[in-house]
C-alpha atoms as a PDB file:
ATOM      1  CA  MET A   1      57.229 -39.432 -30.113  1.00  0.00           C
ATOM      2  CA  ILE A   2      57.597 -36.792 -27.391  1.00  0.00           C
ATOM      3  CA  ARG A   3      57.314 -34.077 -30.037  1.00  0.00           C
ATOM      4  CA  ILE A   4      54.071 -35.597 -31.380  1.00  0.00           C
ATOM      5  CA  LYS A   5      52.594 -35.733 -27.888  1.00  0.00           C
ATOM      6  CA  ARG A   6      53.585 -32.131 -27.294  1.00  0.00           C
ATOM      7  CA  VAL A   7      51.906 -31.053 -30.546  1.00  0.00           C
ATOM      8  CA  LEU A   8      48.767 -32.991 -29.595  1.00  0.00           C
ATOM      9  CA  VAL A   9      48.675 -31.400 -26.136  1.00  0.00           C
ATOM     10  CA  ILE A  10      49.062 -27.929 -27.671  1.00  0.00           C
ATOM     11  CA  PHE A  11      46.349 -28.680 -30.237  1.00  0.00           C
ATOM     12  CA  VAL A  12      43.902 -29.987 -27.625  1.00  0.00           C
ATOM     13  CA  SER A  13      44.670 -27.017 -25.370  1.00  0.00           C
ATOM     14  CA  ILE A  14      43.924 -24.571 -28.179  1.00  0.00           C
ATOM     15  CA  ILE A  15      40.636 -26.342 -28.941  1.00  0.00           C
ATOM     16  CA  ALA A  16      39.709 -26.315 -25.250  1.00  0.00           C
ATOM     17  CA  LEU A  17      40.522 -22.608 -24.921  1.00  0.00           C
ATOM     18  CA  CYS A  18      38.471 -21.795 -28.034  1.00  0.00           C
ATOM     19  CA  TYR A  19      35.554 -23.795 -26.656  1.00  0.00           C
ATOM     20  CA  LEU A  20      35.763 -22.041 -23.288  1.00  0.00           C
ATOM     21  CA  GLY A  21      35.954 -18.704 -25.102  1.00  0.00           C
ATOM     22  CA  LEU A  22      32.846 -19.589 -27.092  1.00  0.00           C
ATOM     23  CA  MET A  23      31.043 -20.524 -23.875  1.00  0.00           C
ATOM     24  CA  GLY A  24      32.075 -17.229 -22.305  1.00  0.00           C
ATOM     25  CA  ALA A  25      30.896 -15.238 -25.317  1.00  0.00           C
ATOM     26  CA  ALA A  26      27.556 -17.073 -25.355  1.00  0.00           C
ATOM     27  CA  PHE A  27      27.079 -16.386 -21.653  1.00  0.00           C
ATOM     28  CA  ALA A  28      27.958 -12.705 -22.085  1.00  0.00           C
ATOM     29  CA  VAL A  29      25.683 -11.910 -25.047  1.00  0.00           C
ATOM     30  CA  GLN A  30      22.693 -14.139 -24.262  1.00  0.00           C
ATOM     31  CA  ARG A  31      20.498 -11.381 -22.854  1.00  0.00           C
ATOM     32  CA  SER A  32      21.044  -9.108 -25.830  1.00  0.00           C
ATOM     33  CA  VAL A  33      19.921 -12.010 -28.037  1.00  0.00           C
ATOM     34  CA  LEU A  34      16.943 -12.988 -25.885  1.00  0.00           C
ATOM     35  CA  PHE A  35      15.873  -9.372 -25.249  1.00  0.00           C
ATOM     36  CA  PRO A  36      16.597  -7.226 -28.340  1.00  0.00           C
ATOM     37  CA  ALA A  37      14.677  -4.459 -26.500  1.00  0.00           C
ATOM     38  CA  PRO A  38      13.601  -2.076 -29.292  1.00  0.00           C
ATOM     39  CA  ARG A  39      13.553   1.505 -28.056  1.00  0.00           C
ATOM     40  CA  SER A  40      11.073   4.223 -28.938  1.00  0.00           C
ATOM     41  CA  PRO A  41      12.729   6.955 -31.067  1.00  0.00           C
ATOM     42  CA  SER A  42      10.791   9.698 -29.263  1.00  0.00           C
ATOM     43  CA  GLN A  43      11.297   8.190 -25.793  1.00  0.00           C
ATOM     44  CA  GLU A  44       7.728   9.278 -25.030  1.00  0.00           C
ATOM     45  CA  LEU A  45       4.573   7.253 -24.578  1.00  0.00           C
ATOM     46  CA  PRO A  46       2.212   7.393 -27.579  1.00  0.00           C
ATOM     47  CA  GLN A  47      -0.336  10.162 -27.149  1.00  0.00           C
ATOM     48  CA  ARG A  48      -3.258   7.841 -27.775  1.00  0.00           C
ATOM     49  CA  PRO A  49      -6.084   6.622 -25.535  1.00  0.00           C
ATOM     50  CA  GLY A  50      -5.132   3.876 -23.104  1.00  0.00           C
ATOM     51  CA  PHE A  51      -1.374   4.466 -22.915  1.00  0.00           C
ATOM     52  CA  ARG A  52      -0.126   5.423 -19.454  1.00  0.00           C
ATOM     53  CA  ARG A  53       2.767   4.992 -17.044  1.00  0.00           C
ATOM     54  CA  LEU A  54       2.554   3.213 -13.695  1.00  0.00           C
ATOM     55  CA  SER A  55       5.002   4.386 -11.021  1.00  0.00           C
ATOM     56  CA  PRO A  56       4.215   2.482  -7.798  1.00  0.00           C
ATOM     57  CA  PRO A  57       6.183   3.394  -4.654  1.00  0.00           C
ATOM     58  CA  GLY A  58       9.179   1.089  -4.407  1.00  0.00           C
ATOM     59  CA  GLY A  59       8.303  -0.686  -7.643  1.00  0.00           C
ATOM     60  CA  PRO A  60       9.554  -0.487 -11.217  1.00  0.00           C
ATOM     61  CA  VAL A  61       8.139   2.001 -13.694  1.00  0.00           C
ATOM     62  CA  VAL A  62       5.859   0.144 -16.101  1.00  0.00           C
ATOM     63  CA  ASP A  63       4.205   1.503 -19.223  1.00  0.00           C
ATOM     64  CA  VAL A  64       0.871  -0.085 -20.151  1.00  0.00           C
ATOM     65  CA  LEU A  65      -1.864   0.100 -22.752  1.00  0.00           C
ATOM     66  CA  HIS A  66      -5.215  -0.378 -21.009  1.00  0.00           C
ATOM     67  CA  LEU A  67      -8.589  -0.427 -22.750  1.00  0.00           C
ATOM     68  CA  PRO A  68     -11.331  -1.220 -20.191  1.00  0.00           C
ATOM     69  CA  ALA A  69     -13.787  -4.057 -20.769  1.00  0.00           C
ATOM     70  CA  LYS A  70     -17.484  -3.656 -21.362  1.00  0.00           C
ATOM     71  CA  PRO A  71     -19.565  -4.459 -18.252  1.00  0.00           C
ATOM     72  CA  GLY A  72     -19.482  -8.144 -17.365  1.00  0.00           C
ATOM     73  CA  MET A  73     -16.690  -8.952 -19.814  1.00  0.00           C
ATOM     74  CA  PRO A  74     -13.175 -10.232 -18.970  1.00  0.00           C
ATOM     75  CA  THR A  75      -9.902  -8.385 -19.519  1.00  0.00           C
ATOM     76  CA  MET A  76      -7.088  -9.920 -21.543  1.00  0.00           C
ATOM     77  CA  VAL A  77      -3.640  -9.170 -20.099  1.00  0.00           C
ATOM     78  CA  HIS A  78      -1.146  -9.516 -22.947  1.00  0.00           C
ATOM     79  CA  PHE A  79       2.631  -9.957 -22.915  1.00  0.00           C
ATOM     80  CA  HIS A  80       4.288  -9.339 -26.278  1.00  0.00           C
ATOM     81  CA  GLY A  81       7.174 -11.031 -28.065  1.00  0.00           C
ATOM     82  CA  ASN A  82      10.838 -10.155 -27.574  1.00  0.00           C
ATOM     83  CA  GLY A  83      11.133  -8.010 -30.709  1.00  0.00           C
ATOM     84  CA  GLU A  84       7.889  -6.074 -30.159  1.00  0.00           C
ATOM     85  CA  GLN A  85       6.959  -3.082 -28.044  1.00  0.00           C
ATOM     86  CA  LEU A  86       3.830  -1.588 -26.544  1.00  0.00           C
ATOM     87  CA  ALA A  87       3.166   0.871 -29.376  1.00  0.00           C
ATOM     88  CA  TYR A  88       2.740  -2.033 -31.829  1.00  0.00           C
ATOM     89  CA  LEU A  89      -0.283  -3.434 -29.987  1.00  0.00           C
ATOM     90  CA  ASP A  90      -2.969  -0.853 -30.781  1.00  0.00           C
ATOM     91  CA  GLU A  91      -4.585  -2.939 -33.496  1.00  0.00           C
ATOM     92  CA  LEU A  92      -4.829  -6.100 -31.406  1.00  0.00           C
ATOM     93  CA  GLY A  93      -6.117  -4.174 -28.402  1.00  0.00           C
ATOM     94  CA  GLU A  94      -8.734  -2.320 -30.425  1.00  0.00           C
ATOM     95  CA  ALA A  95      -9.883  -5.507 -32.181  1.00  0.00           C
ATOM     96  CA  LEU A  96     -10.416  -7.321 -28.880  1.00  0.00           C
ATOM     97  CA  ASN A  97     -11.980  -4.234 -27.296  1.00  0.00           C
ATOM     98  CA  GLU A  98     -14.464  -4.027 -30.159  1.00  0.00           C
ATOM     99  CA  ARG A  99     -15.490  -7.562 -29.206  1.00  0.00           C
ATOM    100  CA  GLY A 100     -16.220  -6.408 -25.662  1.00  0.00           C
ATOM    101  CA  LEU A 101     -13.019  -7.524 -23.971  1.00  0.00           C
ATOM    102  CA  GLY A 102     -10.767  -5.373 -21.878  1.00  0.00           C
ATOM    103  CA  PHE A 103      -7.142  -5.260 -23.007  1.00  0.00           C
ATOM    104  CA  LEU A 104      -4.067  -4.614 -20.869  1.00  0.00           C
ATOM    105  CA  ALA A 105      -0.667  -4.829 -22.564  1.00  0.00           C
ATOM    106  CA  VAL A 106       2.441  -4.615 -20.413  1.00  0.00           C
ATOM    107  CA  GLU A 107       5.809  -3.166 -21.423  1.00  0.00           C
ATOM    108  CA  TYR A 108       9.086  -4.773 -20.334  1.00  0.00           C
ATOM    109  CA  PRO A 109      12.037  -3.116 -18.555  1.00  0.00           C
ATOM    110  CA  GLY A 110      14.406  -1.565 -21.081  1.00  0.00           C
ATOM    111  CA  TYR A 111      11.857  -1.696 -23.912  1.00  0.00           C
ATOM    112  CA  ALA A 112      10.440   1.307 -25.805  1.00  0.00           C
ATOM    113  CA  THR A 113      10.107   4.072 -23.183  1.00  0.00           C
ATOM    114  CA  ASN A 114      10.493   1.868 -20.104  1.00  0.00           C
ATOM    115  CA  PRO A 115      13.638   2.331 -17.987  1.00  0.00           C
ATOM    116  CA  GLY A 116      15.573  -0.641 -16.688  1.00  0.00           C
ATOM    117  CA  VAL A 117      17.273  -3.751 -18.005  1.00  0.00           C
ATOM    118  CA  PRO A 118      15.252  -6.776 -19.151  1.00  0.00           C
ATOM    119  CA  THR A 119      15.667 -10.026 -17.232  1.00  0.00           C
ATOM    120  CA  GLU A 120      13.292 -12.894 -16.508  1.00  0.00           C
ATOM    121  CA  GLU A 121      12.601 -11.666 -12.982  1.00  0.00           C
ATOM    122  CA  GLY A 122      12.343  -8.076 -14.227  1.00  0.00           C
ATOM    123  CA  LEU A 123       9.595  -9.053 -16.667  1.00  0.00           C
ATOM    124  CA  TYR A 124       7.739 -10.845 -13.875  1.00  0.00           C
ATOM    125  CA  ARG A 125       7.968  -7.773 -11.640  1.00  0.00           C
ATOM    126  CA  ALA A 126       6.597  -5.547 -14.409  1.00  0.00           C
ATOM    127  CA  ALA A 127       3.711  -7.976 -14.915  1.00  0.00           C
ATOM    128  CA  GLU A 128       2.908  -7.944 -11.192  1.00  0.00           C
ATOM    129  CA  VAL A 129       2.854  -4.120 -11.133  1.00  0.00           C
ATOM    130  CA  ALA A 130       0.431  -4.006 -14.077  1.00  0.00           C
ATOM    131  CA  LEU A 131      -1.777  -6.706 -12.565  1.00  0.00           C
ATOM    132  CA  ALA A 132      -1.856  -4.948  -9.192  1.00  0.00           C
ATOM    133  CA  ASP A 133      -3.087  -1.808 -10.953  1.00  0.00           C
ATOM    134  CA  LEU A 134      -5.725  -3.857 -12.763  1.00  0.00           C
ATOM    135  CA  ARG A 135      -6.853  -5.380  -9.461  1.00  0.00           C
ATOM    136  CA  ALA A 136      -7.139  -1.872  -7.983  1.00  0.00           C
ATOM    137  CA  SER A 137      -9.541  -0.984 -10.810  1.00  0.00           C
ATOM    138  CA  GLY A 138     -11.832  -3.839  -9.752  1.00  0.00           C
ATOM    139  CA  VAL A 139     -10.805  -6.605 -12.177  1.00  0.00           C
ATOM    140  CA  GLY A 140     -10.004  -9.795 -10.267  1.00  0.00           C
ATOM    141  CA  PRO A 141      -8.194 -12.955 -11.375  1.00  0.00           C
ATOM    142  CA  GLU A 142     -11.542 -14.605 -12.174  1.00  0.00           C
ATOM    143  CA  SER A 143     -12.104 -11.949 -14.858  1.00  0.00           C
ATOM    144  CA  THR A 144      -8.544 -12.010 -16.189  1.00  0.00           C
ATOM    145  CA  VAL A 145      -7.403 -13.898 -19.281  1.00  0.00           C
ATOM    146  CA  LEU A 146      -3.620 -14.098 -19.529  1.00  0.00           C
ATOM    147  CA  SER A 147      -2.074 -13.974 -22.990  1.00  0.00           C
ATOM    148  CA  GLY A 148       1.485 -14.235 -24.260  1.00  0.00           C
ATOM    149  CA  ARG A 149       3.136 -14.271 -27.655  1.00  0.00           C
ATOM    150  CA  SER A 150       6.475 -16.048 -28.092  1.00  0.00           C
ATOM    151  CA  LEU A 151       8.687 -14.764 -25.240  1.00  0.00           C
ATOM    152  CA  GLY A 152       5.583 -13.243 -23.635  1.00  0.00           C
ATOM    153  CA  GLY A 153       4.202 -16.736 -23.220  1.00  0.00           C
ATOM    154  CA  GLY A 154       6.822 -17.289 -20.548  1.00  0.00           C
ATOM    155  CA  VAL A 155       5.504 -14.305 -18.585  1.00  0.00           C
ATOM    156  CA  ALA A 156       1.879 -15.421 -19.017  1.00  0.00           C
ATOM    157  CA  VAL A 157       2.715 -18.942 -17.804  1.00  0.00           C
ATOM    158  CA  GLU A 158       4.443 -17.603 -14.684  1.00  0.00           C
ATOM    159  CA  MET A 159       1.496 -15.332 -13.919  1.00  0.00           C
ATOM    160  CA  ALA A 160      -0.869 -18.279 -14.358  1.00  0.00           C
ATOM    161  CA  LYS A 161       1.279 -20.271 -11.961  1.00  0.00           C
ATOM    162  CA  ARG A 162       0.843 -17.425  -9.460  1.00  0.00           C
ATOM    163  CA  GLY A 163      -2.953 -17.596  -9.789  1.00  0.00           C
ATOM    164  CA  GLN A 164      -3.354 -14.334 -11.697  1.00  0.00           C
ATOM    165  CA  GLY A 165      -5.831 -15.503 -14.342  1.00  0.00           C
ATOM    166  CA  ALA A 166      -8.784 -17.778 -15.031  1.00  0.00           C
ATOM    167  CA  ARG A 167      -7.813 -18.681 -18.609  1.00  0.00           C
ATOM    168  CA  MET A 168      -4.717 -18.354 -20.799  1.00  0.00           C
ATOM    169  CA  VAL A 169      -3.904 -17.907 -24.495  1.00  0.00           C
ATOM    170  CA  LEU A 170      -0.418 -18.772 -25.767  1.00  0.00           C
ATOM    171  CA  LEU A 171       0.675 -17.714 -29.252  1.00  0.00           C
ATOM    172  CA  ALA A 172       3.709 -19.576 -30.651  1.00  0.00           C
ATOM    173  CA  PRO A 173       5.053 -20.569 -27.216  1.00  0.00           C
ATOM    174  CA  PHE A 174       8.312 -22.400 -26.485  1.00  0.00           C
ATOM    175  CA  THR A 175       8.901 -25.136 -23.924  1.00  0.00           C
ATOM    176  CA  SER A 176      11.871 -23.333 -22.331  1.00  0.00           C
ATOM    177  CA  VAL A 177      14.720 -21.006 -23.264  1.00  0.00           C
ATOM    178  CA  VAL A 178      17.118 -23.884 -22.554  1.00  0.00           C
ATOM    179  CA  ASP A 179      15.354 -25.984 -25.199  1.00  0.00           C
ATOM    180  CA  MET A 180      15.519 -23.075 -27.651  1.00  0.00           C
ATOM    181  CA  ALA A 181      19.225 -22.598 -26.946  1.00  0.00           C
ATOM    182  CA  ASN A 182      19.813 -26.307 -27.514  1.00  0.00           C
ATOM    183  CA  LEU A 183      18.310 -25.975 -30.986  1.00  0.00           C
ATOM    184  CA  THR A 184      20.624 -23.107 -31.864  1.00  0.00           C
ATOM    185  CA  PHE A 185      23.775 -24.211 -30.041  1.00  0.00           C
ATOM    186  CA  PRO A 186      23.595 -28.014 -29.650  1.00  0.00           C
ATOM    187  CA  PHE A 187      27.376 -28.142 -29.103  1.00  0.00           C
ATOM    188  CA  LEU A 188      27.256 -25.969 -25.959  1.00  0.00           C
ATOM    189  CA  PRO A 189      26.216 -26.941 -22.389  1.00  0.00           C
ATOM    190  CA  THR A 190      23.254 -24.582 -22.567  1.00  0.00           C
ATOM    191  CA  ARG A 191      21.658 -25.899 -19.376  1.00  0.00           C
ATOM    192  CA  LEU A 192      24.656 -24.494 -17.491  1.00  0.00           C
ATOM    193  CA  LEU A 193      24.833 -21.224 -19.414  1.00  0.00           C
ATOM    194  CA  VAL A 194      21.246 -19.990 -19.712  1.00  0.00           C
ATOM    195  CA  ARG A 195      20.360 -17.342 -17.132  1.00  0.00           C
ATOM    196  CA  ASP A 196      16.725 -16.556 -18.027  1.00  0.00           C
ATOM    197  CA  ARG A 197      15.031 -19.933 -18.411  1.00  0.00           C
ATOM    198  CA  PHE A 198      11.287 -19.263 -18.757  1.00  0.00           C
ATOM    199  CA  ASP A 199      10.699 -22.986 -18.175  1.00  0.00           C
ATOM    200  CA  ASN A 200       7.117 -23.287 -19.419  1.00  0.00           C
ATOM    201  CA  ALA A 201       7.269 -27.062 -19.753  1.00  0.00           C
ATOM    202  CA  ALA A 202       8.171 -27.553 -16.093  1.00  0.00           C
ATOM    203  CA  LYS A 203       5.372 -25.228 -14.931  1.00  0.00           C
ATOM    204  CA  ALA A 204       2.638 -26.486 -17.272  1.00  0.00           C
ATOM    205  CA  PRO A 205       1.477 -29.612 -15.359  1.00  0.00           C
ATOM    206  CA  GLY A 206       0.680 -27.508 -12.288  1.00  0.00           C
ATOM    207  CA  ILE A 207      -1.463 -24.961 -14.178  1.00  0.00           C
ATOM    208  CA  THR A 208      -5.072 -26.153 -14.250  1.00  0.00           C
ATOM    209  CA  VAL A 209      -6.823 -23.224 -15.961  1.00  0.00           C
ATOM    210  CA  PRO A 210      -8.096 -23.726 -19.540  1.00  0.00           C
ATOM    211  CA  VAL A 211      -5.367 -22.951 -22.080  1.00  0.00           C
ATOM    212  CA  LEU A 212      -5.616 -22.200 -25.805  1.00  0.00           C
ATOM    213  CA  ILE A 213      -2.391 -22.628 -27.810  1.00  0.00           C
ATOM    214  CA  LEU A 214      -2.148 -21.281 -31.370  1.00  0.00           C
ATOM    215  CA  HIS A 215       1.003 -22.086 -33.336  1.00  0.00           C
ATOM    216  CA  GLY A 216       1.941 -21.596 -36.976  1.00  0.00           C
ATOM    217  CA  ALA A 217       2.559 -24.812 -38.894  1.00  0.00           C
ATOM    218  CA  GLN A 218       5.504 -23.157 -40.681  1.00  0.00           C
ATOM    219  CA  ASP A 219       6.985 -21.381 -37.653  1.00  0.00           C
ATOM    220  CA  GLU A 220      10.671 -20.950 -38.484  1.00  0.00           C
ATOM    221  CA  VAL A 221      11.681 -19.557 -35.067  1.00  0.00           C
ATOM    222  CA  ILE A 222       9.895 -21.728 -32.486  1.00  0.00           C
ATOM    223  CA  PRO A 223       9.093 -25.208 -33.844  1.00  0.00           C
ATOM    224  CA  VAL A 224       5.398 -26.081 -33.800  1.00  0.00           C
ATOM    225  CA  GLU A 225       6.380 -29.273 -31.977  1.00  0.00           C
ATOM    226  CA  MET A 226       7.087 -27.144 -28.907  1.00  0.00           C
ATOM    227  CA  GLY A 227       3.529 -25.843 -28.900  1.00  0.00           C
ATOM    228  CA  GLN A 228       2.254 -29.371 -29.371  1.00  0.00           C
ATOM    229  CA  ARG A 229       4.334 -30.618 -26.456  1.00  0.00           C
ATOM    230  CA  LEU A 230       2.984 -27.881 -24.196  1.00  0.00           C
ATOM    231  CA  GLY A 231      -0.518 -28.822 -25.292  1.00  0.00           C
ATOM    232  CA  ARG A 232       0.087 -32.284 -23.864  1.00  0.00           C
ATOM    233  CA  LEU A 233       1.589 -30.948 -20.615  1.00  0.00           C
ATOM    234  CA  PHE A 234      -1.169 -28.539 -19.534  1.00  0.00           C
ATOM    235  CA  PRO A 235      -4.047 -30.419 -17.852  1.00  0.00           C
ATOM    236  CA  GLN A 236      -6.683 -28.417 -19.794  1.00  0.00           C
ATOM    237  CA  ALA A 237      -5.265 -27.314 -23.137  1.00  0.00           C
ATOM    238  CA  THR A 238      -6.494 -26.991 -26.702  1.00  0.00           C
ATOM    239  CA  MET A 239      -3.678 -26.827 -29.231  1.00  0.00           C
ATOM    240  CA  GLU A 240      -4.489 -25.533 -32.725  1.00  0.00           C
ATOM    241  CA  THR A 241      -2.039 -25.411 -35.607  1.00  0.00           C
ATOM    242  CA  ILE A 242      -2.516 -22.600 -38.118  1.00  0.00           C
ATOM    243  CA  PRO A 243      -1.774 -23.897 -41.647  1.00  0.00           C
ATOM    244  CA  GLY A 244       0.774 -21.829 -43.565  1.00  0.00           C
ATOM    245  CA  ALA A 245       1.446 -19.424 -40.685  1.00  0.00           C
ATOM    246  CA  ARG A 246       5.010 -18.548 -39.714  1.00  0.00           C
ATOM    247  CA  HIS A 247       6.298 -17.011 -36.502  1.00  0.00           C
ATOM    248  CA  ASN A 248       5.681 -13.336 -37.243  1.00  0.00           C
ATOM    249  CA  ASP A 249       2.374 -13.612 -39.089  1.00  0.00           C
ATOM    250  CA  LEU A 250       0.565 -16.051 -36.823  1.00  0.00           C
ATOM    251  CA  LEU A 251      -2.406 -13.806 -36.005  1.00  0.00           C
ATOM    252  CA  GLU A 252      -2.089 -11.611 -39.057  1.00  0.00           C
ATOM    253  CA  ARG A 253      -2.373 -14.427 -41.602  1.00  0.00           C
ATOM    254  CA  THR A 254      -6.075 -15.022 -40.909  1.00  0.00           C
ATOM    255  CA  TRP A 255      -6.685 -11.964 -38.730  1.00  0.00           C
ATOM    256  CA  PRO A 256     -10.485 -11.781 -38.293  1.00  0.00           C
ATOM    257  CA  VAL A 257     -10.907 -15.523 -37.758  1.00  0.00           C
ATOM    258  CA  LEU A 258      -8.129 -15.838 -35.190  1.00  0.00           C
ATOM    259  CA  VAL A 259      -9.121 -12.701 -33.289  1.00  0.00           C
ATOM    260  CA  ASP A 260     -12.655 -14.089 -33.126  1.00  0.00           C
ATOM    261  CA  ARG A 261     -11.220 -17.405 -31.929  1.00  0.00           C
ATOM    262  CA  VAL A 262      -9.201 -15.762 -29.164  1.00  0.00           C
ATOM    263  CA  ALA A 263     -12.128 -13.550 -28.110  1.00  0.00           C
ATOM    264  CA  ALA A 264     -14.509 -16.532 -28.005  1.00  0.00           C
ATOM    265  CA  PHE A 265     -12.082 -18.479 -25.830  1.00  0.00           C
ATOM    266  CA  ALA A 266     -11.598 -15.497 -23.528  1.00  0.00           C
ATOM    267  CA  ARG A 267     -15.359 -15.220 -23.087  1.00  0.00           C
ATOM    268  CA  ALA A 268     -15.508 -19.003 -22.539  1.00  0.00           C
ATOM    269  CA  GLY A 269     -18.036 -19.130 -25.382  1.00  0.00           C
ATOM    270  CA  PRO A 270     -18.087 -21.354 -28.497  1.00  0.00           C
ATOM    271  CA  ALA A 271     -15.227 -21.010 -30.932  1.00  0.00           C
ATOM    272  CA  ALA A 272     -15.913 -18.966 -34.031  1.00  0.00           C
ATOM    273  CA  GLN A 273     -14.051 -21.506 -36.128  1.00  0.00           C
ATOM    274  CA  VAL A 274     -11.667 -24.338 -35.340  1.00  0.00           C
ATOM    275  CA  ILE A 275      -8.539 -23.873 -37.415  1.00  0.00           C
ATOM    276  CA  GLY A 276      -7.066 -27.354 -37.140  1.00  0.00           C
ATOM    277  CA  ARG A 277      -5.167 -29.482 -34.694  1.00  0.00           C
END
């Protein structure tokens, strides 16, 4: 009997140690998973119009793509997804700029040509630097439309909470990183382990600006139910589900229609076409 108990104690101890080791590994690698941080092979900003580097005294270096708005039109400030980088956003910026909107895309620390290490607070600081530069050019919060795709939605929501925009567009947003981690690792105490939370769901009820949420019906990365839940949490939100769209082809699947939809919302005008709810 004593031998059986000893074997059981050893077995349970091994299981416990393995579980603690798994927790430690998850804690250690979480930022590399959340922030893949693609780097630019050339380590130089693209030599194309609108790309420039901001180096404020005492602040982080932030690369941006800025295409000014036509007179009287708002500027969309866009925060990209975790696997993207600034150089990928030319087409979106040009499409919105052709529709009269300004476009300001913000690079994250450690991404592409930006120095630094990405963290939740680091992304917020980069956003504040870019927005301060935009304010210095004469574009105020009342003429700013915040926009975020996937991870970037977390940055847009925080900036909206800080009063930095008059409207907001969220593309395939999640409720929180903790909720996403729970989907992937339901057997781990993710609420204790997650360092960068981007808790959009907790912030949403306090954000009163109009919000447009677009989410692919077949999103295989962030469930469409998360977008739908956020649509119920924001006081002024329109949630539209894009039939057949997945996570990485949300805008691209019906490009002209959705760009028109986003531009119409940004201008606070009538929608070009309602995709579906």
